[in-house]
Amino acid sequence: MPQKLVWSEPRDARLRRLRAEGRSWDAIAAELGISRNAAIERGRRIGARRPPPEHTPEPEDPDRGPMAAGHPVSWAVINAGTSLAGLPYPSPG
């Protein structure tokens, strides 16, 4: 019996980022390890849209302060390709 897919904020953020980069639903589904229809449905629910063709992403601000421990962006970069990839930061407490 298939297990229920649990969506987390880091996983949603990853889906939004991949879609904003212009990836197809097939590529997103393969990267997240889910079906194409699951990716499309979740993308529709969270408003993940492909950018317009003339869109150029804003460069990251080099003067921004450090990210807090467990920030979804830094946590995803640190754990990419590990068994922790896609899991939320384990907050103490």
PDB file of N, CA and C in Angstrom:
ATOM      1  N   MET A   1       0.836  -1.170   0.000  1.00  0.00           N
ATOM      2  CA  MET A   1       0.000   0.000   0.000  1.00  0.00           C
ATOM      3  C   MET A   1       0.890   1.244   0.000  1.00  0.00           C
ATOM      4  N   PRO A   2       0.627   2.210  -0.882  1.00  0.00           N
ATOM      5  CA  PRO A   2       1.461   3.413  -0.915  1.00  0.00           C
ATOM      6  C   PRO A   2       1.306   4.228   0.364  1.00  0.00           C
ATOM      7  N   GLN A   3       2.415   4.851   0.759  1.00  0.00           N
ATOM      8  CA  GLN A   3       2.378   5.689   1.952  1.00  0.00           C
ATOM      9  C   GLN A   3       1.991   7.104   1.572  1.00  0.00           C
ATOM     10  N   LYS A   4       1.352   7.777   2.520  1.00  0.00           N
ATOM     11  CA  LYS A   4       0.926   9.157   2.302  1.00  0.00           C
ATOM     12  C   LYS A   4       2.145  10.063   2.185  1.00  0.00           C
ATOM     13  N   LEU A   5       2.120  10.930   1.215  1.00  0.00           N
ATOM     14  CA  LEU A   5       3.202  11.879   0.997  1.00  0.00           C
ATOM     15  C   LEU A   5       3.035  13.048   1.957  1.00  0.00           C
ATOM     16  N   VAL A   6       4.053  13.303   2.766  1.00  0.00           N
ATOM     17  CA  VAL A   6       4.002  14.398   3.732  1.00  0.00           C
ATOM     18  C   VAL A   6       4.801  15.568   3.162  1.00  0.00           C
ATOM     19  N   TRP A   7       4.119  16.694   2.994  1.00  0.00           N
ATOM     20  CA  TRP A   7       4.768  17.893   2.475  1.00  0.00           C
ATOM     21  C   TRP A   7       5.244  18.743   3.644  1.00  0.00           C
ATOM     22  N   SER A   8       6.468  19.233   3.542  1.00  0.00           N
ATOM     23  CA  SER A   8       7.043  20.104   4.563  1.00  0.00           C
ATOM     24  C   SER A   8       7.418  21.427   3.901  1.00  0.00           C
ATOM     25  N   GLU A   9       7.689  22.418   4.709  1.00  0.00           N
ATOM     26  CA  GLU A   9       8.072  23.728   4.177  1.00  0.00           C
ATOM     27  C   GLU A   9       9.346  23.648   3.325  1.00  0.00           C
ATOM     28  N   PRO A  10      10.395  22.917   3.751  1.00  0.00           N
ATOM     29  CA  PRO A  10      11.580  22.813   2.887  1.00  0.00           C
ATOM     30  C   PRO A  10      11.276  22.133   1.554  1.00  0.00           C
ATOM     31  N   ARG A  11      10.406  21.137   1.579  1.00  0.00           N
ATOM     32  CA  ARG A  11      10.059  20.449   0.339  1.00  0.00           C
ATOM     33  C   ARG A  11       9.251  21.367  -0.573  1.00  0.00           C
ATOM     34  N   ASP A  12       8.321  22.148   0.015  1.00  0.00           N
ATOM     35  CA  ASP A  12       7.562  23.124  -0.767  1.00  0.00           C
ATOM     36  C   ASP A  12       8.498  24.173  -1.363  1.00  0.00           C
ATOM     37  N   ALA A  13       9.456  24.635  -0.558  1.00  0.00           N
ATOM     38  CA  ALA A  13      10.395  25.646  -1.034  1.00  0.00           C
ATOM     39  C   ALA A  13      11.233  25.096  -2.191  1.00  0.00           C
ATOM     40  N   ARG A  14      11.618  23.841  -2.085  1.00  0.00           N
ATOM     41  CA  ARG A  14      12.400  23.226  -3.156  1.00  0.00           C
ATOM     42  C   ARG A  14      11.573  23.137  -4.436  1.00  0.00           C
ATOM     43  N   LEU A  15      10.299  22.759  -4.307  1.00  0.00           N
ATOM     44  CA  LEU A  15       9.418  22.691  -5.471  1.00  0.00           C
ATOM     45  C   LEU A  15       9.265  24.071  -6.100  1.00  0.00           C
ATOM     46  N   ARG A  16       9.042  25.100  -5.272  1.00  0.00           N
ATOM     47  CA  ARG A  16       8.918  26.478  -5.795  1.00  0.00           C
ATOM     48  C   ARG A  16      10.192  26.903  -6.515  1.00  0.00           C
ATOM     49  N   ARG A  17      11.355  26.605  -5.900  1.00  0.00           N
ATOM     50  CA  ARG A  17      12.636  27.005  -6.493  1.00  0.00           C
ATOM     51  C   ARG A  17      12.855  26.317  -7.830  1.00  0.00           C
ATOM     52  N   LEU A  18      12.593  25.024  -7.889  1.00  0.00           N
ATOM     53  CA  LEU A  18      12.775  24.296  -9.144  1.00  0.00           C
ATOM     54  C   LEU A  18      11.851  24.827 -10.236  1.00  0.00           C
ATOM     55  N   ARG A  19      10.621  25.129  -9.864  1.00  0.00           N
ATOM     56  CA  ARG A  19       9.670  25.664 -10.849  1.00  0.00           C
ATOM     57  C   ARG A  19      10.089  27.063 -11.296  1.00  0.00           C
ATOM     58  N   ALA A  20      10.561  27.878 -10.345  1.00  0.00           N
ATOM     59  CA  ALA A  20      11.016  29.230 -10.690  1.00  0.00           C
ATOM     60  C   ALA A  20      12.237  29.198 -11.592  1.00  0.00           C
ATOM     61  N   GLU A  21      13.040  28.136 -11.484  1.00  0.00           N
ATOM     62  CA  GLU A  21      14.193  27.983 -12.366  1.00  0.00           C
ATOM     63  C   GLU A  21      13.777  27.569 -13.771  1.00  0.00           C
ATOM     64  N   GLY A  22      12.485  27.232 -13.943  1.00  0.00           N
ATOM     65  CA  GLY A  22      11.983  26.875 -15.258  1.00  0.00           C
ATOM     66  C   GLY A  22      11.972  25.387 -15.540  1.00  0.00           C
ATOM     67  N   ARG A  23      12.165  24.560 -14.514  1.00  0.00           N
ATOM     68  CA  ARG A  23      12.164  23.115 -14.702  1.00  0.00           C
ATOM     69  C   ARG A  23      10.770  22.614 -15.061  1.00  0.00           C
ATOM     70  N   SER A  24      10.715  21.536 -15.799  1.00  0.00           N
ATOM     71  CA  SER A  24       9.433  20.932 -16.166  1.00  0.00           C
ATOM     72  C   SER A  24       8.897  20.135 -14.985  1.00  0.00           C
ATOM     73  N   TRP A  25       7.599  19.824 -15.042  1.00  0.00           N
ATOM     74  CA  TRP A  25       7.003  19.035 -13.965  1.00  0.00           C
ATOM     75  C   TRP A  25       7.629  17.645 -13.918  1.00  0.00           C
ATOM     76  N   ASP A  26       7.990  17.091 -15.064  1.00  0.00           N
ATOM     77  CA  ASP A  26       8.639  15.779 -15.085  1.00  0.00           C
ATOM     78  C   ASP A  26       9.974  15.813 -14.355  1.00  0.00           C
ATOM     79  N   ALA A  27      10.774  16.850 -14.605  1.00  0.00           N
ATOM     80  CA  ALA A  27      12.075  16.973 -13.948  1.00  0.00           C
ATOM     81  C   ALA A  27      11.919  17.196 -12.450  1.00  0.00           C
ATOM     82  N   ILE A  28      10.958  18.002 -12.067  1.00  0.00           N
ATOM     83  CA  ILE A  28      10.708  18.265 -10.647  1.00  0.00           C
ATOM     84  C   ILE A  28      10.280  16.980  -9.949  1.00  0.00           C
ATOM     85  N   ALA A  29       9.369  16.245 -10.569  1.00  0.00           N
ATOM     86  CA  ALA A  29       8.892  14.993  -9.984  1.00  0.00           C
ATOM     87  C   ALA A  29      10.042  14.007  -9.803  1.00  0.00           C
ATOM     88  N   ALA A  30      10.907  13.902 -10.803  1.00  0.00           N
ATOM     89  CA  ALA A  30      12.044  12.986 -10.709  1.00  0.00           C
ATOM     90  C   ALA A  30      12.986  13.400  -9.587  1.00  0.00           C
ATOM     91  N   GLU A  31      13.249  14.692  -9.457  1.00  0.00           N
ATOM     92  CA  GLU A  31      14.165  15.167  -8.417  1.00  0.00           C
ATOM     93  C   GLU A  31      13.592  14.977  -7.012  1.00  0.00           C
ATOM     94  N   LEU A  32      12.291  15.155  -6.862  1.00  0.00           N
ATOM     95  CA  LEU A  32      11.660  15.003  -5.553  1.00  0.00           C
ATOM     96  C   LEU A  32      11.270  13.550  -5.259  1.00  0.00           C
ATOM     97  N   GLY A  33      11.345  12.676  -6.259  1.00  0.00           N
ATOM     98  CA  GLY A  33      11.001  11.279  -6.061  1.00  0.00           C
ATOM     99  C   GLY A  33       9.510  11.037  -5.881  1.00  0.00           C
ATOM    100  N   ILE A  34       8.697  11.803  -6.637  1.00  0.00           N
ATOM    101  CA  ILE A  34       7.241  11.687  -6.561  1.00  0.00           C
ATOM    102  C   ILE A  34       6.682  11.569  -7.971  1.00  0.00           C
ATOM    103  N   SER A  35       5.392  11.345  -8.076  1.00  0.00           N
ATOM    104  CA  SER A  35       4.778  11.262  -9.401  1.00  0.00           C
ATOM    105  C   SER A  35       4.606  12.668  -9.994  1.00  0.00           C
ATOM    106  N   ARG A  36       4.502  12.715 -11.307  1.00  0.00           N
ATOM    107  CA  ARG A  36       4.298  13.991 -11.994  1.00  0.00           C
ATOM    108  C   ARG A  36       3.011  14.654 -11.530  1.00  0.00           C
ATOM    109  N   ASN A  37       1.943  13.868 -11.389  1.00  0.00           N
ATOM    110  CA  ASN A  37       0.662  14.432 -10.958  1.00  0.00           C
ATOM    111  C   ASN A  37       0.733  14.989  -9.538  1.00  0.00           C
ATOM    112  N   ALA A  38       1.478  14.325  -8.644  1.00  0.00           N
ATOM    113  CA  ALA A  38       1.634  14.835  -7.279  1.00  0.00           C
ATOM    114  C   ALA A  38       2.373  16.171  -7.287  1.00  0.00           C
ATOM    115  N   ALA A  39       3.399  16.277  -8.144  1.00  0.00           N
ATOM    116  CA  ALA A  39       4.150  17.534  -8.251  1.00  0.00           C
ATOM    117  C   ALA A  39       3.268  18.652  -8.791  1.00  0.00           C
ATOM    118  N   ILE A  40       2.498  18.358  -9.817  1.00  0.00           N
ATOM    119  CA  ILE A  40       1.618  19.367 -10.413  1.00  0.00           C
ATOM    120  C   ILE A  40       0.572  19.824  -9.405  1.00  0.00           C
ATOM    121  N   GLU A  41      -0.058  18.886  -8.725  1.00  0.00           N
ATOM    122  CA  GLU A  41      -1.109  19.234  -7.763  1.00  0.00           C
ATOM    123  C   GLU A  41      -0.560  20.071  -6.614  1.00  0.00           C
ATOM    124  N   ARG A  42       0.593  19.669  -6.073  1.00  0.00           N
ATOM    125  CA  ARG A  42       1.168  20.445  -4.968  1.00  0.00           C
ATOM    126  C   ARG A  42       1.600  21.822  -5.469  1.00  0.00           C
ATOM    127  N   GLY A  43       2.180  21.886  -6.658  1.00  0.00           N
ATOM    128  CA  GLY A  43       2.573  23.169  -7.231  1.00  0.00           C
ATOM    129  C   GLY A  43       1.388  24.093  -7.410  1.00  0.00           C
ATOM    130  N   ARG A  44       0.256  23.535  -7.836  1.00  0.00           N
ATOM    131  CA  ARG A  44      -0.955  24.337  -7.998  1.00  0.00           C
ATOM    132  C   ARG A  44      -1.441  24.855  -6.640  1.00  0.00           C
ATOM    133  N   ARG A  45      -1.395  24.002  -5.625  1.00  0.00           N
ATOM    134  CA  ARG A  45      -1.881  24.400  -4.295  1.00  0.00           C
ATOM    135  C   ARG A  45      -1.023  25.485  -3.643  1.00  0.00           C
ATOM    136  N   ILE A  46       0.291  25.440  -3.868  1.00  0.00           N
ATOM    137  CA  ILE A  46       1.169  26.430  -3.226  1.00  0.00           C
ATOM    138  C   ILE A  46       1.513  27.585  -4.156  1.00  0.00           C
ATOM    139  N   GLY A  47       0.987  27.578  -5.365  1.00  0.00           N
ATOM    140  CA  GLY A  47       1.193  28.699  -6.277  1.00  0.00           C
ATOM    141  C   GLY A  47       2.564  28.723  -6.937  1.00  0.00           C
ATOM    142  N   ALA A  48       3.161  27.560  -7.149  1.00  0.00           N
ATOM    143  CA  ALA A  48       4.473  27.492  -7.807  1.00  0.00           C
ATOM    144  C   ALA A  48       4.268  27.628  -9.308  1.00  0.00           C
ATOM    145  N   ARG A  49       4.663  28.755  -9.835  1.00  0.00           N
ATOM    146  CA  ARG A  49       4.482  29.016 -11.265  1.00  0.00           C
ATOM    147  C   ARG A  49       5.826  29.229 -11.936  1.00  0.00           C
ATOM    148  N   ARG A  50       5.853  28.941 -13.207  1.00  0.00           N
ATOM    149  CA  ARG A  50       7.036  29.190 -14.006  1.00  0.00           C
ATOM    150  C   ARG A  50       7.141  30.698 -14.239  1.00  0.00           C
ATOM    151  N   PRO A  51       8.338  31.269 -14.177  1.00  0.00           N
ATOM    152  CA  PRO A  51       8.472  32.706 -14.402  1.00  0.00           C
ATOM    153  C   PRO A  51       8.204  33.059 -15.859  1.00  0.00           C
ATOM    154  N   PRO A  52       7.802  34.313 -16.120  1.00  0.00           N
ATOM    155  CA  PRO A  52       7.604  34.708 -17.521  1.00  0.00           C
ATOM    156  C   PRO A  52       8.926  34.618 -18.284  1.00  0.00           C
ATOM    157  N   PRO A  53       8.870  34.441 -19.600  1.00  0.00           N
ATOM    158  CA  PRO A  53      10.095  34.258 -20.381  1.00  0.00           C
ATOM    159  C   PRO A  53      11.099  35.400 -20.240  1.00  0.00           C
ATOM    160  N   GLU A  54      10.629  36.611 -20.038  1.00  0.00           N
ATOM    161  CA  GLU A  54      11.554  37.749 -19.947  1.00  0.00           C
ATOM    162  C   GLU A  54      12.093  37.959 -18.531  1.00  0.00           C
ATOM    163  N   HIS A  55      11.719  37.097 -17.593  1.00  0.00           N
ATOM    164  CA  HIS A  55      12.130  37.240 -16.197  1.00  0.00           C
ATOM    165  C   HIS A  55      13.611  36.909 -16.008  1.00  0.00           C
ATOM    166  N   THR A  56      14.318  37.763 -15.284  1.00  0.00           N
ATOM    167  CA  THR A  56      15.683  37.467 -14.859  1.00  0.00           C
ATOM    168  C   THR A  56      15.713  37.568 -13.344  1.00  0.00           C
ATOM    169  N   PRO A  57      16.185  36.541 -12.659  1.00  0.00           N
ATOM    170  CA  PRO A  57      16.179  36.568 -11.199  1.00  0.00           C
ATOM    171  C   PRO A  57      17.093  37.661 -10.657  1.00  0.00           C
ATOM    172  N   GLU A  58      16.680  38.237  -9.535  1.00  0.00           N
ATOM    173  CA  GLU A  58      17.493  39.273  -8.903  1.00  0.00           C
ATOM    174  C   GLU A  58      18.727  38.633  -8.292  1.00  0.00           C
ATOM    175  N   PRO A  59      19.884  39.293  -8.401  1.00  0.00           N
ATOM    176  CA  PRO A  59      21.091  38.721  -7.790  1.00  0.00           C
ATOM    177  C   PRO A  59      20.978  38.775  -6.265  1.00  0.00           C
ATOM    178  N   GLU A  60      21.626  37.825  -5.615  1.00  0.00           N
ATOM    179  CA  GLU A  60      21.592  37.784  -4.158  1.00  0.00           C
ATOM    180  C   GLU A  60      22.375  38.975  -3.605  1.00  0.00           C
ATOM    181  N   ASP A  61      21.864  39.560  -2.541  1.00  0.00           N
ATOM    182  CA  ASP A  61      22.484  40.720  -1.921  1.00  0.00           C
ATOM    183  C   ASP A  61      23.770  40.298  -1.213  1.00  0.00           C
ATOM    184  N   PRO A  62      24.939  40.789  -1.649  1.00  0.00           N
ATOM    185  CA  PRO A  62      26.196  40.388  -1.002  1.00  0.00           C
ATOM    186  C   PRO A  62      26.352  40.968   0.404  1.00  0.00           C
ATOM    187  N   ASP A  63      25.546  41.981   0.753  1.00  0.00           N
ATOM    188  CA  ASP A  63      25.663  42.605   2.071  1.00  0.00           C
ATOM    189  C   ASP A  63      24.645  42.085   3.078  1.00  0.00           C
ATOM    190  N   ARG A  64      23.913  41.022   2.729  1.00  0.00           N
ATOM    191  CA  ARG A  64      22.929  40.509   3.670  1.00  0.00           C
ATOM    192  C   ARG A  64      23.636  39.866   4.854  1.00  0.00           C
ATOM    193  N   GLY A  65      22.972  39.837   5.987  1.00  0.00           N
ATOM    194  CA  GLY A  65      23.535  39.225   7.183  1.00  0.00           C
ATOM    195  C   GLY A  65      23.507  37.717   7.096  1.00  0.00           C
ATOM    196  N   PRO A  66      24.114  37.050   8.073  1.00  0.00           N
ATOM    197  CA  PRO A  66      24.110  35.589   8.057  1.00  0.00           C
ATOM    198  C   PRO A  66      22.713  35.042   8.311  1.00  0.00           C
ATOM    199  N   MET A  67      22.457  33.864   7.798  1.00  0.00           N
ATOM    200  CA  MET A  67      21.163  33.221   8.007  1.00  0.00           C
ATOM    201  C   MET A  67      21.149  32.550   9.382  1.00  0.00           C
ATOM    202  N   ALA A  68      19.981  32.490   9.969  1.00  0.00           N
ATOM    203  CA  ALA A  68      19.832  31.850  11.273  1.00  0.00           C
ATOM    204  C   ALA A  68      20.042  30.344  11.138  1.00  0.00           C
ATOM    205  N   ALA A  69      20.412  29.720  12.246  1.00  0.00           N
ATOM    206  CA  ALA A  69      20.577  28.265  12.248  1.00  0.00           C
ATOM    207  C   ALA A  69      19.263  27.614  11.835  1.00  0.00           C
ATOM    208  N   GLY A  70      19.344  26.681  10.916  1.00  0.00           N
ATOM    209  CA  GLY A  70      18.153  25.977  10.469  1.00  0.00           C
ATOM    210  C   GLY A  70      17.352  26.699   9.409  1.00  0.00           C
ATOM    211  N   HIS A  71      17.853  27.822   8.888  1.00  0.00           N
ATOM    212  CA  HIS A  71      17.148  28.527   7.820  1.00  0.00           C
ATOM    213  C   HIS A  71      16.941  27.538   6.665  1.00  0.00           C
ATOM    214  N   PRO A  72      15.739  27.497   6.067  1.00  0.00           N
ATOM    215  CA  PRO A  72      15.471  26.502   5.013  1.00  0.00           C
ATOM    216  C   PRO A  72      16.487  26.515   3.870  1.00  0.00           C
ATOM    217  N   VAL A  73      16.988  27.677   3.494  1.00  0.00           N
ATOM    218  CA  VAL A  73      17.943  27.735   2.381  1.00  0.00           C
ATOM    219  C   VAL A  73      19.275  27.115   2.781  1.00  0.00           C
ATOM    220  N   SER A  74      19.834  27.552   3.912  1.00  0.00           N
ATOM    221  CA  SER A  74      21.134  27.014   4.318  1.00  0.00           C
ATOM    222  C   SER A  74      21.026  25.537   4.701  1.00  0.00           C
ATOM    223  N   TRP A  75      19.941  25.152   5.345  1.00  0.00           N
ATOM    224  CA  TRP A  75      19.741  23.762   5.732  1.00  0.00           C
ATOM    225  C   TRP A  75      19.670  22.870   4.489  1.00  0.00           C
ATOM    226  N   ALA A  76      18.991  23.336   3.440  1.00  0.00           N
ATOM    227  CA  ALA A  76      18.881  22.547   2.213  1.00  0.00           C
ATOM    228  C   ALA A  76      20.236  22.399   1.524  1.00  0.00           C
ATOM    229  N   VAL A  77      21.032  23.458   1.530  1.00  0.00           N
ATOM    230  CA  VAL A  77      22.353  23.404   0.896  1.00  0.00           C
ATOM    231  C   VAL A  77      23.267  22.455   1.657  1.00  0.00           C
ATOM    232  N   ILE A  78      23.249  22.533   2.969  1.00  0.00           N
ATOM    233  CA  ILE A  78      24.113  21.681   3.790  1.00  0.00           C
ATOM    234  C   ILE A  78      23.773  20.207   3.604  1.00  0.00           C
ATOM    235  N   ASN A  79      22.499  19.890   3.476  1.00  0.00           N
ATOM    236  CA  ASN A  79      22.061  18.498   3.456  1.00  0.00           C
ATOM    237  C   ASN A  79      21.734  17.947   2.075  1.00  0.00           C
ATOM    238  N   ALA A  80      21.990  18.704   1.036  1.00  0.00           N
ATOM    239  CA  ALA A  80      21.706  18.231  -0.323  1.00  0.00           C
ATOM    240  C   ALA A  80      22.479  16.941  -0.588  1.00  0.00           C
ATOM    241  N   GLY A  81      21.771  15.925  -1.059  1.00  0.00           N
ATOM    242  CA  GLY A  81      22.403  14.656  -1.388  1.00  0.00           C
ATOM    243  C   GLY A  81      22.642  13.735  -0.210  1.00  0.00           C
ATOM    244  N   THR A  82      22.150  14.098   0.968  1.00  0.00           N
ATOM    245  CA  THR A  82      22.292  13.239   2.142  1.00  0.00           C
ATOM    246  C   THR A  82      20.943  12.651   2.513  1.00  0.00           C
ATOM    247  N   SER A  83      20.944  11.824   3.545  1.00  0.00           N
ATOM    248  CA  SER A  83      19.682  11.227   3.996  1.00  0.00           C
ATOM    249  C   SER A  83      18.782  12.272   4.663  1.00  0.00           C
ATOM    250  N   LEU A  84      19.318  13.442   4.990  1.00  0.00           N
ATOM    251  CA  LEU A  84      18.532  14.505   5.607  1.00  0.00           C
ATOM    252  C   LEU A  84      17.914  15.459   4.580  1.00  0.00           C
ATOM    253  N   ALA A  85      18.220  15.280   3.322  1.00  0.00           N
ATOM    254  CA  ALA A  85      17.697  16.169   2.276  1.00  0.00           C
ATOM    255  C   ALA A  85      16.176  16.154   2.290  1.00  0.00           C
ATOM    256  N   GLY A  86      15.586  17.341   2.300  1.00  0.00           N
ATOM    257  CA  GLY A  86      14.128  17.480   2.283  1.00  0.00           C
ATOM    258  C   GLY A  86      13.486  17.439   3.642  1.00  0.00           C
ATOM    259  N   LEU A  87      14.258  17.148   4.699  1.00  0.00           N
ATOM    260  CA  LEU A  87      13.690  17.121   6.042  1.00  0.00           C
ATOM    261  C   LEU A  87      13.856  18.489   6.703  1.00  0.00           C
ATOM    262  N   PRO A  88      12.926  18.868   7.582  1.00  0.00           N
ATOM    263  CA  PRO A  88      13.062  20.157   8.266  1.00  0.00           C
ATOM    264  C   PRO A  88      14.187  20.126   9.290  1.00  0.00           C
ATOM    265  N   TYR A  89      14.654  21.295   9.632  1.00  0.00           N
ATOM    266  CA  TYR A  89      15.689  21.434  10.655  1.00  0.00           C
ATOM    267  C   TYR A  89      15.182  20.913  12.001  1.00  0.00           C
ATOM    268  N   PRO A  90      15.946  20.039  12.666  1.00  0.00           N
ATOM    269  CA  PRO A  90      15.475  19.496  13.944  1.00  0.00           C
ATOM    270  C   PRO A  90      15.650  20.519  15.072  1.00  0.00           C
ATOM    271  N   SER A  91      14.626  21.280  15.338  1.00  0.00           N
ATOM    272  CA  SER A  91      14.674  22.304  16.370  1.00  0.00           C
ATOM    273  C   SER A  91      14.790  21.662  17.749  1.00  0.00           C
ATOM    274  N   PRO A  92      15.690  22.174  18.599  1.00  0.00           N
ATOM    275  CA  PRO A  92      15.804  21.620  19.951  1.00  0.00           C
ATOM    276  C   PRO A  92      14.553  21.959  20.770  1.00  0.00           C
ATOM    277  N   GLY A  93      14.198  21.057  21.616  1.00  0.00           N
ATOM    278  CA  GLY A  93      13.085  21.364  22.493  1.00  0.00           C
ATOM    279  C   GLY A  93      12.060  20.386  22.395  1.00  0.00           C
TER     280      GLY A  93
END
